[in-house]
Protein backbone atom coordinates (compact mmCIF):
# COMPACT_ATOMS: atom_id res chain seq x y z
CA MET A 1 130.27 -188.05 -110.46
CA ALA A 2 126.81 -186.54 -109.92
CA LEU A 3 125.54 -185.78 -106.43
CA THR A 4 124.79 -188.83 -104.33
CA LYS A 5 122.20 -187.05 -102.18
CA MET A 6 119.96 -184.19 -103.26
CA PRO A 7 118.88 -181.42 -100.91
CA PRO A 8 115.27 -180.50 -100.33
CA ILE A 9 114.24 -178.22 -103.22
CA GLU A 10 113.51 -175.44 -100.69
CA LYS A 11 117.25 -174.97 -100.15
CA ILE A 12 117.25 -173.21 -103.54
CA HIS A 13 114.92 -170.54 -102.15
CA GLU A 14 117.33 -170.06 -99.24
CA ALA A 15 120.29 -169.80 -101.61
CA CYS A 16 118.49 -167.12 -103.63
CA SER A 17 117.81 -165.27 -100.40
CA ALA A 18 121.48 -165.39 -99.37
CA ILE A 19 122.56 -163.88 -102.70
CA ALA A 20 119.79 -161.25 -102.74
CA ASP A 21 120.79 -160.22 -99.20
CA GLY A 22 124.48 -159.96 -100.12
CA ARG A 23 125.38 -162.63 -97.57
CA VAL A 24 127.84 -164.48 -99.84
CA VAL A 25 131.44 -163.29 -100.10
CA ILE A 26 133.76 -165.21 -102.43
CA GLU A 27 137.52 -165.10 -101.85
CA GLY A 28 139.55 -167.29 -104.20
CA ASN A 29 138.48 -170.93 -103.82
CA SER A 30 136.36 -170.30 -100.76
CA ALA A 31 133.37 -168.28 -99.69
CA LYS A 32 131.92 -166.96 -96.46
CA VAL A 33 128.16 -167.27 -96.28
CA PHE A 34 126.34 -165.51 -93.47
CA SER A 35 123.19 -167.06 -92.02
CA SER A 36 119.85 -165.30 -92.49
CA ASP A 37 119.81 -164.16 -88.87
CA HIS A 38 123.52 -163.19 -89.06
CA THR A 39 124.47 -165.35 -86.06
CA LYS A 40 126.59 -167.83 -88.04
CA THR A 41 129.18 -167.71 -90.79
CA TYR A 42 129.65 -170.78 -92.98
CA THR A 43 132.72 -171.56 -95.06
CA VAL A 44 132.34 -173.12 -98.49
CA GLN A 45 135.48 -174.44 -100.18
CA TRP A 46 136.02 -176.05 -103.54
CA GLU A 47 138.76 -177.63 -105.54
CA ASP A 48 138.11 -178.91 -109.04
CA GLU A 49 134.65 -180.49 -108.82
CA VAL A 50 134.59 -181.13 -105.05
CA TYR A 51 132.71 -178.73 -102.76
CA SER A 52 132.55 -178.72 -98.98
CA SER A 53 130.77 -176.56 -96.43
CA ASN A 54 130.38 -176.49 -92.69
CA ASP A 55 126.68 -175.64 -92.73
CA SER A 56 124.61 -178.26 -90.89
CA ALA A 57 122.97 -179.71 -94.01
CA SER A 58 126.24 -180.23 -95.86
CA TYR A 59 128.11 -181.40 -92.76
CA TRP A 60 125.55 -183.69 -91.11
CA GLN A 61 123.06 -184.61 -93.86
CA GLY A 62 125.51 -185.06 -96.72
CA TYR A 63 123.70 -182.97 -99.29
CA PRO A 64 124.67 -179.52 -100.57
CA GLY A 65 123.11 -176.95 -98.27
CA TYR A 66 122.08 -173.48 -99.33
CA PRO A 67 125.63 -172.05 -98.94
CA ILE A 68 127.01 -174.44 -101.58
CA ILE A 69 123.99 -173.85 -103.85
CA ALA A 70 124.45 -170.07 -103.54
CA VAL A 71 128.13 -170.36 -104.49
CA LEU A 72 127.25 -172.53 -107.51
CA MET A 73 124.78 -169.84 -108.60
CA ILE A 74 127.34 -167.06 -108.25
CA GLN A 75 129.85 -169.15 -110.20
CA GLY A 76 127.29 -169.48 -113.00
CA ARG A 77 127.09 -173.26 -112.64
CA LEU A 78 123.41 -172.98 -111.69
CA SER A 79 120.90 -170.45 -113.01
CA PHE A 80 120.28 -167.41 -110.88
CA HIS A 81 117.28 -165.17 -111.45
CA ALA A 82 117.96 -161.86 -109.70
CA THR A 83 114.43 -160.56 -110.15
CA MET A 84 112.98 -163.71 -108.60
CA ALA A 85 115.57 -163.74 -105.80
CA GLU A 86 114.46 -160.25 -104.75
CA HIS A 87 111.22 -161.85 -103.54
CA PHE A 88 113.24 -163.81 -100.97
CA LYS A 89 115.25 -160.87 -99.68
CA GLY A 90 115.33 -160.26 -95.93
CA ILE A 91 113.76 -163.55 -94.87
CA ASN A 92 114.91 -164.93 -91.52
CA TRP A 93 115.02 -168.59 -92.57
CA LYS A 94 116.28 -169.72 -89.17
CA LYS A 95 113.19 -168.33 -87.45
CA LEU A 96 110.80 -169.46 -90.20
CA ASN A 97 112.18 -173.02 -90.36
CA ALA A 98 112.12 -173.28 -86.55
CA LYS A 99 108.50 -172.12 -86.49
CA HIS A 100 107.63 -174.90 -88.94
CA LYS A 101 109.80 -177.51 -87.14
CA ALA A 102 112.19 -177.87 -90.10
CA ASP A 103 109.32 -178.56 -92.51
CA TYR A 104 110.98 -176.57 -95.29
CA ALA A 105 108.06 -177.02 -97.69
CA ALA A 106 105.66 -175.50 -95.13
CA ALA A 107 108.03 -172.57 -94.57
CA VAL A 108 108.29 -171.85 -98.29
CA SER A 109 104.54 -172.19 -98.78
CA VAL A 110 104.00 -169.39 -96.23
CA ILE A 111 106.32 -167.13 -98.22
CA LEU A 112 104.71 -168.04 -101.54
CA GLU A 113 101.25 -167.41 -100.09
CA GLU A 114 102.34 -163.92 -98.99
CA LEU A 115 103.82 -163.25 -102.43
CA GLN A 116 100.65 -164.46 -104.14
CA GLN A 117 98.60 -162.05 -102.00
CA LYS A 118 100.83 -159.26 -103.34
CA GLY A 119 100.00 -160.31 -106.91
CA ILE A 120 103.31 -162.10 -107.63
CA ASP A 121 103.16 -165.01 -110.08
CA CYS A 122 104.32 -167.87 -107.86
CA THR A 123 103.89 -170.43 -110.64
CA LEU A 124 106.68 -168.67 -112.54
CA ILE A 125 108.84 -168.63 -109.39
CA GLN A 126 108.31 -172.35 -108.80
CA ASP A 127 109.07 -173.12 -112.46
CA LYS A 128 112.41 -171.32 -112.12
CA ILE A 129 113.17 -173.08 -108.82
CA GLU A 130 112.42 -176.47 -110.40
CA LYS A 131 114.67 -175.61 -113.35
CA VAL A 132 117.55 -174.87 -110.97
CA TYR A 133 116.85 -178.08 -109.07
CA GLY A 134 117.05 -180.01 -112.34
CA GLU A 135 120.37 -178.32 -113.14
CA LEU A 136 121.68 -179.29 -109.70
CA LYS A 137 120.72 -182.93 -110.35
CA GLU A 138 122.71 -182.88 -113.59
CA LEU A 139 125.72 -181.02 -112.21
CA ASP A 140 128.87 -183.12 -112.27
CA ILE A 141 130.18 -182.28 -108.80
CA LYS A 142 130.79 -184.04 -105.54
CA THR A 143 130.20 -182.70 -102.04
CA LYS A 144 132.07 -183.78 -98.97
CA ARG A 145 132.00 -182.97 -95.29
CA SER A 146 134.00 -179.91 -94.34
CA SER A 147 137.03 -180.39 -92.13
CA THR A 148 135.52 -177.88 -89.69
CA ARG A 149 132.35 -178.46 -87.69
CA PRO A 150 129.28 -176.27 -88.12
CA PRO A 151 129.61 -172.98 -86.23
CA GLN A 152 127.73 -172.25 -83.06
CA PRO A 153 125.53 -169.18 -83.03
CA LEU A 154 127.45 -166.09 -81.96
CA GLU A 155 125.42 -165.78 -78.75
CA ALA A 156 126.28 -169.33 -77.68
CA ALA A 157 129.94 -168.80 -78.55
CA ARG A 158 130.04 -165.62 -76.45
CA GLN A 159 128.47 -167.37 -73.47
CA SER A 160 131.05 -170.18 -73.56
CA GLU A 161 134.00 -167.74 -73.47
């Protein structure tokens, strides 16, 4: 029952960022995951080997988005490298991905370039990311669309009240 659709590998960077920022709160068989700009809260739920989330990627694209990946890391089902994740702390992915018109690879390359300029070994980071991606491919889980739609940003929700 492996995944039918894989996410872009860059979603692993975003998941590491969410954990490093403390934006994942697990409560029983569900988790709240706050977006990088703190305007949205996603709900991840799981039962047995079936995971769902109302983030846009999981809901609309049918692959596990960064909230599900972050939960799998916290659960120990995927490797998590805390030292590496620290390099992705405090990144506003919403802004960065918008700037690069949802070209996730371009967004990550900007971050890696900045890290490289600081003397960080980005080859080691990418090796770890690829290892996690391989683990995700082999993971015997299923994802399904959440029963709730993706949340609107808080500003939009306030304006519609």
